[in-house]
């Protein structure tokens, strides 16, 4: 993990997460989704996790958030994480996987600055 890259992503994550908030409050379920994303990637695989998260509208927001954070750094012209991962088998690319996991860490750190409430 690249701590400097994570530090660079935290302000971007805060900006994106602020769009999810209403008066500085974010639904607590998103913290859970972010917390479970990394372990799911480790146990199931990157593509499987992204596909699983894509099947639910709330979890899909996590995919979109992570993709927005890394899109510029991986030079992707695609509009979604699934498309980008399927291109040239990017889901097997260690660098892409690492950037997604680092973006996830930045989001987990950034969401702590918001007040979290149950649905």
PDB file of N, CA and C in Angstrom:
ATOM      1  N   UNK A   1       0.837  -1.187   0.000  1.00  0.00           N
ATOM      2  CA  UNK A   1       0.000   0.000   0.000  1.00  0.00           C
ATOM      3  C   UNK A   1       0.880   1.247   0.000  1.00  0.00           C
ATOM      4  N   UNK A   2       0.447   2.222  -0.750  1.00  0.00           N
ATOM      5  CA  UNK A   2       1.191   3.458  -0.909  1.00  0.00           C
ATOM      6  C   UNK A   2       0.506   4.561  -0.087  1.00  0.00           C
ATOM      7  N   UNK A   3       1.117   4.861   1.059  1.00  0.00           N
ATOM      8  CA  UNK A   3       0.525   5.836   1.981  1.00  0.00           C
ATOM      9  C   UNK A   3       0.378   7.217   1.332  1.00  0.00           C
ATOM     10  N   UNK A   4       1.337   7.625   0.515  1.00  0.00           N
ATOM     11  CA  UNK A   4       1.251   8.936  -0.144  1.00  0.00           C
ATOM     12  C   UNK A   4       0.064   8.990  -1.110  1.00  0.00           C
ATOM     13  N   UNK A   5      -0.171   7.889  -1.796  1.00  0.00           N
ATOM     14  CA  UNK A   5      -1.306   7.839  -2.723  1.00  0.00           C
ATOM     15  C   UNK A   5      -2.621   7.903  -1.949  1.00  0.00           C
ATOM     16  N   UNK A   6      -2.698   7.186  -0.842  1.00  0.00           N
ATOM     17  CA  UNK A   6      -3.898   7.215  -0.004  1.00  0.00           C
ATOM     18  C   UNK A   6      -4.137   8.627   0.514  1.00  0.00           C
ATOM     19  N   UNK A   7      -3.069   9.282   0.996  1.00  0.00           N
ATOM     20  CA  UNK A   7      -3.190  10.659   1.487  1.00  0.00           C
ATOM     21  C   UNK A   7      -3.675  11.607   0.386  1.00  0.00           C
ATOM     22  N   UNK A   8      -3.240  11.358  -0.833  1.00  0.00           N
ATOM     23  CA  UNK A   8      -3.654  12.185  -1.973  1.00  0.00           C
ATOM     24  C   UNK A   8      -5.149  11.992  -2.267  1.00  0.00           C
ATOM     25  N   UNK A   9      -5.651  10.783  -2.047  1.00  0.00           N
ATOM     26  CA  UNK A   9      -7.042  10.474  -2.362  1.00  0.00           C
ATOM     27  C   UNK A   9      -8.046  10.933  -1.298  1.00  0.00           C
ATOM     28  N   UNK A  10      -7.587  11.114  -0.067  1.00  0.00           N
ATOM     29  CA  UNK A  10      -8.511  11.460   1.022  1.00  0.00           C
ATOM     30  C   UNK A  10      -9.308  12.737   0.724  1.00  0.00           C
ATOM     31  N   UNK A  11      -8.696  13.841   0.279  1.00  0.00           N
ATOM     32  CA  UNK A  11      -9.515  15.028  -0.027  1.00  0.00           C
ATOM     33  C   UNK A  11     -10.539  14.783  -1.135  1.00  0.00           C
ATOM     34  N   UNK A  12     -10.153  14.010  -2.148  1.00  0.00           N
ATOM     35  CA  UNK A  12     -11.100  13.673  -3.218  1.00  0.00           C
ATOM     36  C   UNK A  12     -12.252  12.845  -2.658  1.00  0.00           C
ATOM     37  N   UNK A  13     -11.919  11.905  -1.785  1.00  0.00           N
ATOM     38  CA  UNK A  13     -12.946  11.054  -1.177  1.00  0.00           C
ATOM     39  C   UNK A  13     -13.899  11.896  -0.332  1.00  0.00           C
ATOM     40  N   UNK A  14     -13.357  12.840   0.406  1.00  0.00           N
ATOM     41  CA  UNK A  14     -14.207  13.704   1.232  1.00  0.00           C
ATOM     42  C   UNK A  14     -15.149  14.523   0.361  1.00  0.00           C
ATOM     43  N   UNK A  15     -14.655  15.021  -0.746  1.00  0.00           N
ATOM     44  CA  UNK A  15     -15.488  15.797  -1.664  1.00  0.00           C
ATOM     45  C   UNK A  15     -16.620  14.937  -2.217  1.00  0.00           C
ATOM     46  N   UNK A  16     -16.294  13.729  -2.648  1.00  0.00           N
ATOM     47  CA  UNK A  16     -17.317  12.847  -3.205  1.00  0.00           C
ATOM     48  C   UNK A  16     -18.314  12.398  -2.140  1.00  0.00           C
ATOM     49  N   UNK A  17     -17.812  12.077  -0.955  1.00  0.00           N
ATOM     50  CA  UNK A  17     -18.701  11.645   0.128  1.00  0.00           C
ATOM     51  C   UNK A  17     -19.615  12.773   0.603  1.00  0.00           C
ATOM     52  N   UNK A  18     -19.139  14.010   0.503  1.00  0.00           N
ATOM     53  CA  UNK A  18     -19.987  15.130   0.921  1.00  0.00           C
ATOM     54  C   UNK A  18     -21.220  15.240   0.029  1.00  0.00           C
ATOM     55  N   UNK A  19     -21.126  14.742  -1.203  1.00  0.00           N
ATOM     56  CA  UNK A  19     -22.282  14.729  -2.103  1.00  0.00           C
ATOM     57  C   UNK A  19     -23.333  13.725  -1.628  1.00  0.00           C
ATOM     58  N   UNK A  20     -22.917  12.755  -0.833  1.00  0.00           N
ATOM     59  CA  UNK A  20     -23.832  11.744  -0.300  1.00  0.00           C
ATOM     60  C   UNK A  20     -24.507  12.223   0.977  1.00  0.00           C
ATOM     61  N   UNK A  21     -23.966  13.268   1.570  1.00  0.00           N
ATOM     62  CA  UNK A  21     -24.462  13.672   2.892  1.00  0.00           C
ATOM     63  C   UNK A  21     -25.623  14.638   2.783  1.00  0.00           C
ATOM     64  N   UNK A  22     -26.426  14.602   3.807  1.00  0.00           N
ATOM     65  CA  UNK A  22     -27.495  15.574   3.973  1.00  0.00           C
ATOM     66  C   UNK A  22     -27.230  16.256   5.300  1.00  0.00           C
ATOM     67  N   UNK A  23     -26.838  17.515   5.237  1.00  0.00           N
ATOM     68  CA  UNK A  23     -26.461  18.286   6.427  1.00  0.00           C
ATOM     69  C   UNK A  23     -25.306  17.636   7.184  1.00  0.00           C
ATOM     70  N   UNK A  24     -24.341  17.082   6.456  1.00  0.00           N
ATOM     71  CA  UNK A  24     -23.167  16.476   7.080  1.00  0.00           C
ATOM     72  C   UNK A  24     -23.400  15.084   7.639  1.00  0.00           C
ATOM     73  N   UNK A  25     -24.541  14.481   7.311  1.00  0.00           N
ATOM     74  CA  UNK A  25     -24.878  13.149   7.827  1.00  0.00           C
ATOM     75  C   UNK A  25     -24.950  12.148   6.664  1.00  0.00           C
ATOM     76  N   UNK A  26     -24.270  11.019   6.834  1.00  0.00           N
ATOM     77  CA  UNK A  26     -24.280   9.947   5.833  1.00  0.00           C
ATOM     78  C   UNK A  26     -24.890   8.711   6.475  1.00  0.00           C
ATOM     79  N   UNK A  27     -25.634   7.968   5.685  1.00  0.00           N
ATOM     80  CA  UNK A  27     -26.228   6.725   6.168  1.00  0.00           C
ATOM     81  C   UNK A  27     -25.109   5.757   6.576  1.00  0.00           C
ATOM     82  N   UNK A  28     -25.238   5.199   7.760  1.00  0.00           N
ATOM     83  CA  UNK A  28     -24.208   4.346   8.339  1.00  0.00           C
ATOM     84  C   UNK A  28     -23.923   3.094   7.514  1.00  0.00           C
ATOM     85  N   UNK A  29     -24.885   2.662   6.718  1.00  0.00           N
ATOM     86  CA  UNK A  29     -24.677   1.444   5.930  1.00  0.00           C
ATOM     87  C   UNK A  29     -23.495   1.588   4.967  1.00  0.00           C
ATOM     88  N   UNK A  30     -23.233   2.814   4.511  1.00  0.00           N
ATOM     89  CA  UNK A  30     -22.121   3.013   3.578  1.00  0.00           C
ATOM     90  C   UNK A  30     -20.771   2.765   4.257  1.00  0.00           C
ATOM     91  N   UNK A  31     -20.675   3.073   5.520  1.00  0.00           N
ATOM     92  CA  UNK A  31     -19.447   2.759   6.250  1.00  0.00           C
ATOM     93  C   UNK A  31     -19.241   1.237   6.262  1.00  0.00           C
ATOM     94  N   UNK A  32     -20.313   0.504   6.462  1.00  0.00           N
ATOM     95  CA  UNK A  32     -20.240  -0.950   6.440  1.00  0.00           C
ATOM     96  C   UNK A  32     -19.864  -1.494   5.075  1.00  0.00           C
ATOM     97  N   UNK A  33     -20.429  -0.911   4.028  1.00  0.00           N
ATOM     98  CA  UNK A  33     -20.094  -1.348   2.672  1.00  0.00           C
ATOM     99  C   UNK A  33     -18.618  -1.107   2.367  1.00  0.00           C
ATOM    100  N   UNK A  34     -18.121   0.055   2.778  1.00  0.00           N
ATOM    101  CA  UNK A  34     -16.703   0.354   2.559  1.00  0.00           C
ATOM    102  C   UNK A  34     -15.812  -0.569   3.389  1.00  0.00           C
ATOM    103  N   UNK A  35     -16.231  -0.847   4.609  1.00  0.00           N
ATOM    104  CA  UNK A  35     -15.440  -1.703   5.492  1.00  0.00           C
ATOM    105  C   UNK A  35     -15.369  -3.135   4.974  1.00  0.00           C
ATOM    106  N   UNK A  36     -16.416  -3.605   4.335  1.00  0.00           N
ATOM    107  CA  UNK A  36     -16.422  -4.996   3.873  1.00  0.00           C
ATOM    108  C   UNK A  36     -15.865  -5.166   2.463  1.00  0.00           C
ATOM    109  N   UNK A  37     -15.627  -4.069   1.748  1.00  0.00           N
ATOM    110  CA  UNK A  37     -15.145  -4.165   0.375  1.00  0.00           C
ATOM    111  C   UNK A  37     -13.766  -4.835   0.302  1.00  0.00           C
ATOM    112  N   UNK A  38     -12.819  -4.350   1.084  1.00  0.00           N
ATOM    113  CA  UNK A  38     -11.454  -4.892   1.051  1.00  0.00           C
ATOM    114  C   UNK A  38     -11.385  -6.373   1.384  1.00  0.00           C
ATOM    115  N   UNK A  39     -11.974  -6.804   2.523  1.00  0.00           N
ATOM    116  CA  UNK A  39     -11.958  -8.235   2.829  1.00  0.00           C
ATOM    117  C   UNK A  39     -12.640  -9.085   1.756  1.00  0.00           C
ATOM    118  N   UNK A  40     -13.678  -8.539   1.129  1.00  0.00           N
ATOM    119  CA  UNK A  40     -14.347  -9.275   0.061  1.00  0.00           C
ATOM    120  C   UNK A  40     -13.427  -9.448  -1.142  1.00  0.00           C
ATOM    121  N   UNK A  41     -12.649  -8.424  -1.464  1.00  0.00           N
ATOM    122  CA  UNK A  41     -11.687  -8.524  -2.566  1.00  0.00           C
ATOM    123  C   UNK A  41     -10.648  -9.599  -2.250  1.00  0.00           C
ATOM    124  N   UNK A  42     -10.164  -9.619  -1.019  1.00  0.00           N
ATOM    125  CA  UNK A  42      -9.146 -10.595  -0.626  1.00  0.00           C
ATOM    126  C   UNK A  42      -9.704 -12.021  -0.684  1.00  0.00           C
ATOM    127  N   UNK A  43     -10.927 -12.210  -0.194  1.00  0.00           N
ATOM    128  CA  UNK A  43     -11.469 -13.568  -0.129  1.00  0.00           C
ATOM    129  C   UNK A  43     -12.098 -14.043  -1.437  1.00  0.00           C
ATOM    130  N   UNK A  44     -12.766 -13.143  -2.176  1.00  0.00           N
ATOM    131  CA  UNK A  44     -13.497 -13.565  -3.377  1.00  0.00           C
ATOM    132  C   UNK A  44     -12.828 -13.162  -4.683  1.00  0.00           C
ATOM    133  N   UNK A  45     -12.064 -12.092  -4.655  1.00  0.00           N
ATOM    134  CA  UNK A  45     -11.456 -11.585  -5.877  1.00  0.00           C
ATOM    135  C   UNK A  45     -12.039 -10.233  -6.243  1.00  0.00           C
ATOM    136  N   UNK A  46     -11.272  -9.470  -6.989  1.00  0.00           N
ATOM    137  CA  UNK A  46     -11.670  -8.104  -7.335  1.00  0.00           C
ATOM    138  C   UNK A  46     -12.904  -8.065  -8.229  1.00  0.00           C
ATOM    139  N   UNK A  47     -12.869  -8.791  -9.324  1.00  0.00           N
ATOM    140  CA  UNK A  47     -13.987  -8.749 -10.262  1.00  0.00           C
ATOM    141  C   UNK A  47     -15.275  -9.267  -9.616  1.00  0.00           C
ATOM    142  N   UNK A  48     -15.168 -10.333  -8.840  1.00  0.00           N
ATOM    143  CA  UNK A  48     -16.348 -10.891  -8.182  1.00  0.00           C
ATOM    144  C   UNK A  48     -16.950  -9.889  -7.197  1.00  0.00           C
ATOM    145  N   UNK A  49     -16.100  -9.204  -6.437  1.00  0.00           N
ATOM    146  CA  UNK A  49     -16.587  -8.212  -5.478  1.00  0.00           C
ATOM    147  C   UNK A  49     -17.266  -7.056  -6.189  1.00  0.00           C
ATOM    148  N   UNK A  50     -16.653  -6.550  -7.250  1.00  0.00           N
ATOM    149  CA  UNK A  50     -17.226  -5.425  -7.997  1.00  0.00           C
ATOM    150  C   UNK A  50     -18.560  -5.830  -8.624  1.00  0.00           C
ATOM    151  N   UNK A  51     -18.635  -7.043  -9.136  1.00  0.00           N
ATOM    152  CA  UNK A  51     -19.895  -7.518  -9.712  1.00  0.00           C
ATOM    153  C   UNK A  51     -20.974  -7.658  -8.634  1.00  0.00           C
ATOM    154  N   UNK A  52     -20.588  -8.188  -7.470  1.00  0.00           N
ATOM    155  CA  UNK A  52     -21.535  -8.330  -6.367  1.00  0.00           C
ATOM    156  C   UNK A  52     -22.041  -6.969  -5.920  1.00  0.00           C
ATOM    157  N   UNK A  53     -21.136  -6.021  -5.751  1.00  0.00           N
ATOM    158  CA  UNK A  53     -21.536  -4.672  -5.330  1.00  0.00           C
ATOM    159  C   UNK A  53     -22.386  -3.993  -6.405  1.00  0.00           C
ATOM    160  N   UNK A  54     -22.174  -4.348  -7.650  1.00  0.00           N
ATOM    161  CA  UNK A  54     -22.938  -3.758  -8.744  1.00  0.00           C
ATOM    162  C   UNK A  54     -24.375  -4.237  -8.806  1.00  0.00           C
ATOM    163  N   UNK A  55     -24.690  -5.321  -8.101  1.00  0.00           N
ATOM    164  CA  UNK A  55     -26.022  -5.874  -8.125  1.00  0.00           C
ATOM    165  C   UNK A  55     -27.013  -5.190  -7.198  1.00  0.00           C
ATOM    166  N   UNK A  56     -26.539  -4.304  -6.361  1.00  0.00           N
ATOM    167  CA  UNK A  56     -27.396  -3.604  -5.402  1.00  0.00           C
ATOM    168  C   UNK A  56     -27.188  -2.105  -5.596  1.00  0.00           C
ATOM    169  N   UNK A  57     -28.262  -1.335  -5.688  1.00  0.00           N
ATOM    170  CA  UNK A  57     -28.143   0.100  -5.977  1.00  0.00           C
ATOM    171  C   UNK A  57     -27.320   0.859  -4.941  1.00  0.00           C
ATOM    172  N   UNK A  58     -27.460   0.515  -3.654  1.00  0.00           N
ATOM    173  CA  UNK A  58     -26.695   1.212  -2.623  1.00  0.00           C
ATOM    174  C   UNK A  58     -25.217   0.837  -2.687  1.00  0.00           C
ATOM    175  N   UNK A  59     -24.938  -0.446  -2.846  1.00  0.00           N
ATOM    176  CA  UNK A  59     -23.547  -0.892  -2.934  1.00  0.00           C
ATOM    177  C   UNK A  59     -22.892  -0.418  -4.227  1.00  0.00           C
ATOM    178  N   UNK A  60     -23.706  -0.264  -5.260  1.00  0.00           N
ATOM    179  CA  UNK A  60     -23.190   0.208  -6.547  1.00  0.00           C
ATOM    180  C   UNK A  60     -22.561   1.596  -6.408  1.00  0.00           C
ATOM    181  N   UNK A  61     -23.090   2.395  -5.481  1.00  0.00           N
ATOM    182  CA  UNK A  61     -22.525   3.726  -5.237  1.00  0.00           C
ATOM    183  C   UNK A  61     -21.069   3.623  -4.777  1.00  0.00           C
ATOM    184  N   UNK A  62     -20.738   2.570  -4.038  1.00  0.00           N
ATOM    185  CA  UNK A  62     -19.360   2.364  -3.587  1.00  0.00           C
ATOM    186  C   UNK A  62     -18.463   2.117  -4.792  1.00  0.00           C
ATOM    187  N   UNK A  63     -18.900   1.260  -5.723  1.00  0.00           N
ATOM    188  CA  UNK A  63     -18.132   1.029  -6.950  1.00  0.00           C
ATOM    189  C   UNK A  63     -17.896   2.338  -7.693  1.00  0.00           C
ATOM    190  N   UNK A  64     -18.958   3.125  -7.833  1.00  0.00           N
ATOM    191  CA  UNK A  64     -18.854   4.391  -8.559  1.00  0.00           C
ATOM    192  C   UNK A  64     -17.902   5.357  -7.867  1.00  0.00           C
ATOM    193  N   UNK A  65     -17.964   5.395  -6.550  1.00  0.00           N
ATOM    194  CA  UNK A  65     -17.079   6.265  -5.775  1.00  0.00           C
ATOM    195  C   UNK A  65     -15.624   5.866  -5.967  1.00  0.00           C
ATOM    196  N   UNK A  66     -15.328   4.594  -5.816  1.00  0.00           N
ATOM    197  CA  UNK A  66     -13.946   4.119  -5.960  1.00  0.00           C
ATOM    198  C   UNK A  66     -13.441   4.360  -7.381  1.00  0.00           C
ATOM    199  N   UNK A  67     -14.299   4.145  -8.364  1.00  0.00           N
ATOM    200  CA  UNK A  67     -13.887   4.358  -9.754  1.00  0.00           C
ATOM    201  C   UNK A  67     -13.586   5.830 -10.024  1.00  0.00           C
ATOM    202  N   UNK A  68     -14.408   6.727  -9.479  1.00  0.00           N
ATOM    203  CA  UNK A  68     -14.144   8.164  -9.649  1.00  0.00           C
ATOM    204  C   UNK A  68     -12.785   8.546  -9.084  1.00  0.00           C
ATOM    205  N   UNK A  69     -12.421   7.941  -7.969  1.00  0.00           N
ATOM    206  CA  UNK A  69     -11.152   8.291  -7.322  1.00  0.00           C
ATOM    207  C   UNK A  69      -9.944   7.826  -8.121  1.00  0.00           C
ATOM    208  N   UNK A  70     -10.031   6.678  -8.763  1.00  0.00           N
ATOM    209  CA  UNK A  70      -8.852   6.130  -9.441  1.00  0.00           C
ATOM    210  C   UNK A  70      -8.841   6.346 -10.945  1.00  0.00           C
ATOM    211  N   UNK A  71      -9.954   6.770 -11.504  1.00  0.00           N
ATOM    212  CA  UNK A  71     -10.094   6.851 -12.963  1.00  0.00           C
ATOM    213  C   UNK A  71      -8.950   7.627 -13.627  1.00  0.00           C
ATOM    214  N   UNK A  72      -8.603   8.772 -13.083  1.00  0.00           N
ATOM    215  CA  UNK A  72      -7.546   9.590 -13.699  1.00  0.00           C
ATOM    216  C   UNK A  72      -6.175   8.923 -13.604  1.00  0.00           C
ATOM    217  N   UNK A  73      -5.949   8.168 -12.553  1.00  0.00           N
ATOM    218  CA  UNK A  73      -4.640   7.553 -12.349  1.00  0.00           C
ATOM    219  C   UNK A  73      -4.412   6.298 -13.184  1.00  0.00           C
ATOM    220  N   UNK A  74      -5.485   5.710 -13.683  1.00  0.00           N
ATOM    221  CA  UNK A  74      -5.312   4.513 -14.508  1.00  0.00           C
ATOM    222  C   UNK A  74      -5.600   4.796 -15.981  1.00  0.00           C
ATOM    223  N   UNK A  75      -5.849   6.044 -16.303  1.00  0.00           N
ATOM    224  CA  UNK A  75      -6.099   6.462 -17.686  1.00  0.00           C
ATOM    225  C   UNK A  75      -7.170   5.618 -18.363  1.00  0.00           C
ATOM    226  N   UNK A  76      -8.317   5.557 -17.744  1.00  0.00           N
ATOM    227  CA  UNK A  76      -9.404   4.762 -18.297  1.00  0.00           C
ATOM    228  C   UNK A  76     -10.398   5.662 -19.018  1.00  0.00           C
ATOM    229  N   UNK A  77     -10.806   5.224 -20.191  1.00  0.00           N
ATOM    230  CA  UNK A  77     -11.826   5.955 -20.944  1.00  0.00           C
ATOM    231  C   UNK A  77     -13.205   5.349 -20.708  1.00  0.00           C
ATOM    232  N   UNK A  78     -13.273   4.320 -19.879  1.00  0.00           N
ATOM    233  CA  UNK A  78     -14.536   3.635 -19.619  1.00  0.00           C
ATOM    234  C   UNK A  78     -15.383   4.417 -18.625  1.00  0.00           C
ATOM    235  N   UNK A  79     -16.661   4.111 -18.631  1.00  0.00           N
ATOM    236  CA  UNK A  79     -17.587   4.837 -17.764  1.00  0.00           C
ATOM    237  C   UNK A  79     -17.916   4.083 -16.484  1.00  0.00           C
ATOM    238  N   UNK A  80     -17.437   2.842 -16.355  1.00  0.00           N
ATOM    239  CA  UNK A  80     -17.715   2.090 -15.133  1.00  0.00           C
ATOM    240  C   UNK A  80     -16.526   1.209 -14.762  1.00  0.00           C
ATOM    241  N   UNK A  81     -16.501   0.820 -13.504  1.00  0.00           N
ATOM    242  CA  UNK A  81     -15.417  -0.026 -13.007  1.00  0.00           C
ATOM    243  C   UNK A  81     -15.451  -1.391 -13.679  1.00  0.00           C
ATOM    244  N   UNK A  82     -16.625  -1.943 -13.898  1.00  0.00           N
ATOM    245  CA  UNK A  82     -16.738  -3.266 -14.508  1.00  0.00           C
ATOM    246  C   UNK A  82     -16.146  -3.260 -15.912  1.00  0.00           C
ATOM    247  N   UNK A  83     -16.473  -2.246 -16.701  1.00  0.00           N
ATOM    248  CA  UNK A  83     -15.922  -2.135 -18.059  1.00  0.00           C
ATOM    249  C   UNK A  83     -14.403  -2.040 -18.016  1.00  0.00           C
ATOM    250  N   UNK A  84     -13.890  -1.215 -17.096  1.00  0.00           N
ATOM    251  CA  UNK A  84     -12.445  -1.034 -16.984  1.00  0.00           C
ATOM    252  C   UNK A  84     -11.762  -2.338 -16.572  1.00  0.00           C
ATOM    253  N   UNK A  85     -12.347  -3.064 -15.639  1.00  0.00           N
ATOM    254  CA  UNK A  85     -11.735  -4.310 -15.165  1.00  0.00           C
ATOM    255  C   UNK A  85     -11.753  -5.394 -16.233  1.00  0.00           C
ATOM    256  N   UNK A  86     -12.785  -5.415 -17.059  1.00  0.00           N
ATOM    257  CA  UNK A  86     -12.871  -6.431 -18.114  1.00  0.00           C
ATOM    258  C   UNK A  86     -11.961  -6.134 -19.296  1.00  0.00           C
ATOM    259  N   UNK A  87     -11.579  -4.873 -19.473  1.00  0.00           N
ATOM    260  CA  UNK A  87     -10.691  -4.516 -20.566  1.00  0.00           C
ATOM    261  C   UNK A  87      -9.309  -5.130 -20.319  1.00  0.00           C
ATOM    262  N   UNK A  88      -8.855  -5.916 -21.239  1.00  0.00           N
ATOM    263  CA  UNK A  88      -7.521  -6.535 -21.164  1.00  0.00           C
ATOM    264  C   UNK A  88      -7.291  -7.267 -19.837  1.00  0.00           C
ATOM    265  N   UNK A  89      -8.343  -7.805 -19.252  1.00  0.00           N
ATOM    266  CA  UNK A  89      -8.233  -8.521 -17.969  1.00  0.00           C
ATOM    267  C   UNK A  89      -7.579  -7.681 -16.884  1.00  0.00           C
ATOM    268  N   UNK A  90      -7.953  -6.411 -16.804  1.00  0.00           N
ATOM    269  CA  UNK A  90      -7.399  -5.511 -15.788  1.00  0.00           C
ATOM    270  C   UNK A  90      -7.657  -6.000 -14.372  1.00  0.00           C
ATOM    271  N   UNK A  91      -8.682  -6.834 -14.183  1.00  0.00           N
ATOM    272  CA  UNK A  91      -8.961  -7.341 -12.841  1.00  0.00           C
ATOM    273  C   UNK A  91      -7.827  -8.221 -12.320  1.00  0.00           C
ATOM    274  N   UNK A  92      -6.976  -8.692 -13.222  1.00  0.00           N
ATOM    275  CA  UNK A  92      -5.808  -9.491 -12.818  1.00  0.00           C
ATOM    276  C   UNK A  92      -4.572  -8.621 -12.584  1.00  0.00           C
ATOM    277  N   UNK A  93      -4.663  -7.350 -12.952  1.00  0.00           N
ATOM    278  CA  UNK A  93      -3.535  -6.430 -12.847  1.00  0.00           C
ATOM    279  C   UNK A  93      -3.336  -6.009 -11.388  1.00  0.00           C
ATOM    280  N   UNK A  94      -2.175  -6.316 -10.852  1.00  0.00           N
ATOM    281  CA  UNK A  94      -1.869  -6.022  -9.446  1.00  0.00           C
ATOM    282  C   UNK A  94      -1.952  -4.521  -9.163  1.00  0.00           C
ATOM    283  N   UNK A  95      -1.477  -3.697 -10.074  1.00  0.00           N
ATOM    284  CA  UNK A  95      -1.474  -2.243  -9.867  1.00  0.00           C
ATOM    285  C   UNK A  95      -2.895  -1.703  -9.787  1.00  0.00           C
ATOM    286  N   UNK A  96      -3.759  -2.159 -10.662  1.00  0.00           N
ATOM    287  CA  UNK A  96      -5.154  -1.707 -10.650  1.00  0.00           C
ATOM    288  C   UNK A  96      -5.823  -2.142  -9.350  1.00  0.00           C
ATOM    289  N   UNK A  97      -5.619  -3.385  -8.967  1.00  0.00           N
ATOM    290  CA  UNK A  97      -6.204  -3.898  -7.726  1.00  0.00           C
ATOM    291  C   UNK A  97      -5.730  -3.081  -6.532  1.00  0.00           C
ATOM    292  N   UNK A  98      -4.449  -2.796  -6.494  1.00  0.00           N
ATOM    293  CA  UNK A  98      -3.876  -2.019  -5.391  1.00  0.00           C
ATOM    294  C   UNK A  98      -4.474  -0.617  -5.332  1.00  0.00           C
ATOM    295  N   UNK A  99      -4.616   0.036  -6.490  1.00  0.00           N
ATOM    296  CA  UNK A  99      -5.183   1.391  -6.519  1.00  0.00           C
ATOM    297  C   UNK A  99      -6.623   1.383  -6.009  1.00  0.00           C
ATOM    298  N   UNK A 100      -7.390   0.369  -6.358  1.00  0.00           N
ATOM    299  CA  UNK A 100      -8.771   0.277  -5.892  1.00  0.00           C
ATOM    300  C   UNK A 100      -8.800   0.073  -4.382  1.00  0.00           C
ATOM    301  N   UNK A 101      -7.943  -0.797  -3.870  1.00  0.00           N
ATOM    302  CA  UNK A 101      -7.891  -1.029  -2.427  1.00  0.00           C
ATOM    303  C   UNK A 101      -7.410   0.211  -1.677  1.00  0.00           C
ATOM    304  N   UNK A 102      -6.474   0.953  -2.262  1.00  0.00           N
ATOM    305  CA  UNK A 102      -6.001   2.192  -1.639  1.00  0.00           C
ATOM    306  C   UNK A 102      -7.099   3.253  -1.639  1.00  0.00           C
ATOM    307  N   UNK A 103      -7.886   3.309  -2.720  1.00  0.00           N
ATOM    308  CA  UNK A 103      -9.019   4.233  -2.764  1.00  0.00           C
ATOM    309  C   UNK A 103     -10.043   3.850  -1.701  1.00  0.00           C
ATOM    310  N   UNK A 104     -10.228   2.562  -1.492  1.00  0.00           N
ATOM    311  CA  UNK A 104     -11.142   2.083  -0.462  1.00  0.00           C
ATOM    312  C   UNK A 104     -10.674   2.524   0.923  1.00  0.00           C
ATOM    313  N   UNK A 105      -9.383   2.425   1.180  1.00  0.00           N
ATOM    314  CA  UNK A 105      -8.832   2.862   2.471  1.00  0.00           C
ATOM    315  C   UNK A 105      -9.046   4.368   2.655  1.00  0.00           C
ATOM    316  N   UNK A 106      -8.804   5.140   1.598  1.00  0.00           N
ATOM    317  CA  UNK A 106      -9.009   6.588   1.678  1.00  0.00           C
ATOM    318  C   UNK A 106     -10.465   6.909   2.000  1.00  0.00           C
ATOM    319  N   UNK A 107     -11.387   6.173   1.416  1.00  0.00           N
ATOM    320  CA  UNK A 107     -12.819   6.397   1.682  1.00  0.00           C
ATOM    321  C   UNK A 107     -13.175   6.016   3.115  1.00  0.00           C
ATOM    322  N   UNK A 108     -12.601   4.926   3.600  1.00  0.00           N
ATOM    323  CA  UNK A 108     -12.879   4.514   4.979  1.00  0.00           C
ATOM    324  C   UNK A 108     -12.374   5.563   5.965  1.00  0.00           C
ATOM    325  N   UNK A 109     -11.250   6.174   5.662  1.00  0.00           N
ATOM    326  CA  UNK A 109     -10.726   7.232   6.525  1.00  0.00           C
ATOM    327  C   UNK A 109     -11.560   8.506   6.397  1.00  0.00           C
ATOM    328  N   UNK A 110     -11.973   8.828   5.188  1.00  0.00           N
ATOM    329  CA  UNK A 110     -12.730  10.060   4.952  1.00  0.00           C
ATOM    330  C   UNK A 110     -14.130   9.999   5.549  1.00  0.00           C
ATOM    331  N   UNK A 111     -14.759   8.847   5.519  1.00  0.00           N
ATOM    332  CA  UNK A 111     -16.148   8.757   6.003  1.00  0.00           C
ATOM    333  C   UNK A 111     -16.220   8.959   7.512  1.00  0.00           C
ATOM    334  N   UNK A 112     -15.105   8.783   8.196  1.00  0.00           N
ATOM    335  CA  UNK A 112     -15.070   9.008   9.646  1.00  0.00           C
ATOM    336  C   UNK A 112     -15.313  10.460  10.025  1.00  0.00           C
ATOM    337  N   UNK A 113     -15.111  11.370   9.086  1.00  0.00           N
ATOM    338  CA  UNK A 113     -15.280  12.797   9.390  1.00  0.00           C
ATOM    339  C   UNK A 113     -16.749  13.228   9.341  1.00  0.00           C
ATOM    340  N   UNK A 114     -17.602  12.339   8.861  1.00  0.00           N
ATOM    341  CA  UNK A 114     -19.028  12.645   8.765  1.00  0.00           C
ATOM    342  C   UNK A 114     -19.778  12.013   9.928  1.00  0.00           C
ATOM    343  N   UNK A 115     -20.897  12.619  10.244  1.00  0.00           N
ATOM    344  CA  UNK A 115     -21.779  12.003  11.230  1.00  0.00           C
ATOM    345  C   UNK A 115     -22.523  10.868  10.531  1.00  0.00           C
ATOM    346  N   UNK A 116     -22.585   9.731  11.189  1.00  0.00           N
ATOM    347  CA  UNK A 116     -23.232   8.555  10.591  1.00  0.00           C
ATOM    348  C   UNK A 116     -24.497   8.229  11.381  1.00  0.00           C
ATOM    349  N   UNK A 117     -25.571   7.988  10.637  1.00  0.00           N
ATOM    350  CA  UNK A 117     -26.840   7.644  11.282  1.00  0.00           C
ATOM    351  C   UNK A 117     -27.458   6.458  10.566  1.00  0.00           C
ATOM    352  N   UNK A 118     -28.235   5.685  11.311  1.00  0.00           N
ATOM    353  CA  UNK A 118     -28.968   4.552  10.745  1.00  0.00           C
ATOM    354  C   UNK A 118     -30.038   5.060   9.793  1.00  0.00           C
ATOM    355  N   UNK A 119     -30.138   4.332   8.630  1.00  0.00           N
ATOM    356  CA  UNK A 119     -31.120   4.571   7.601  1.00  0.00           C
ATOM    357  C   UNK A 119     -32.163   5.522   7.889  1.00  0.00           C
TER     358      UNK A 119
END
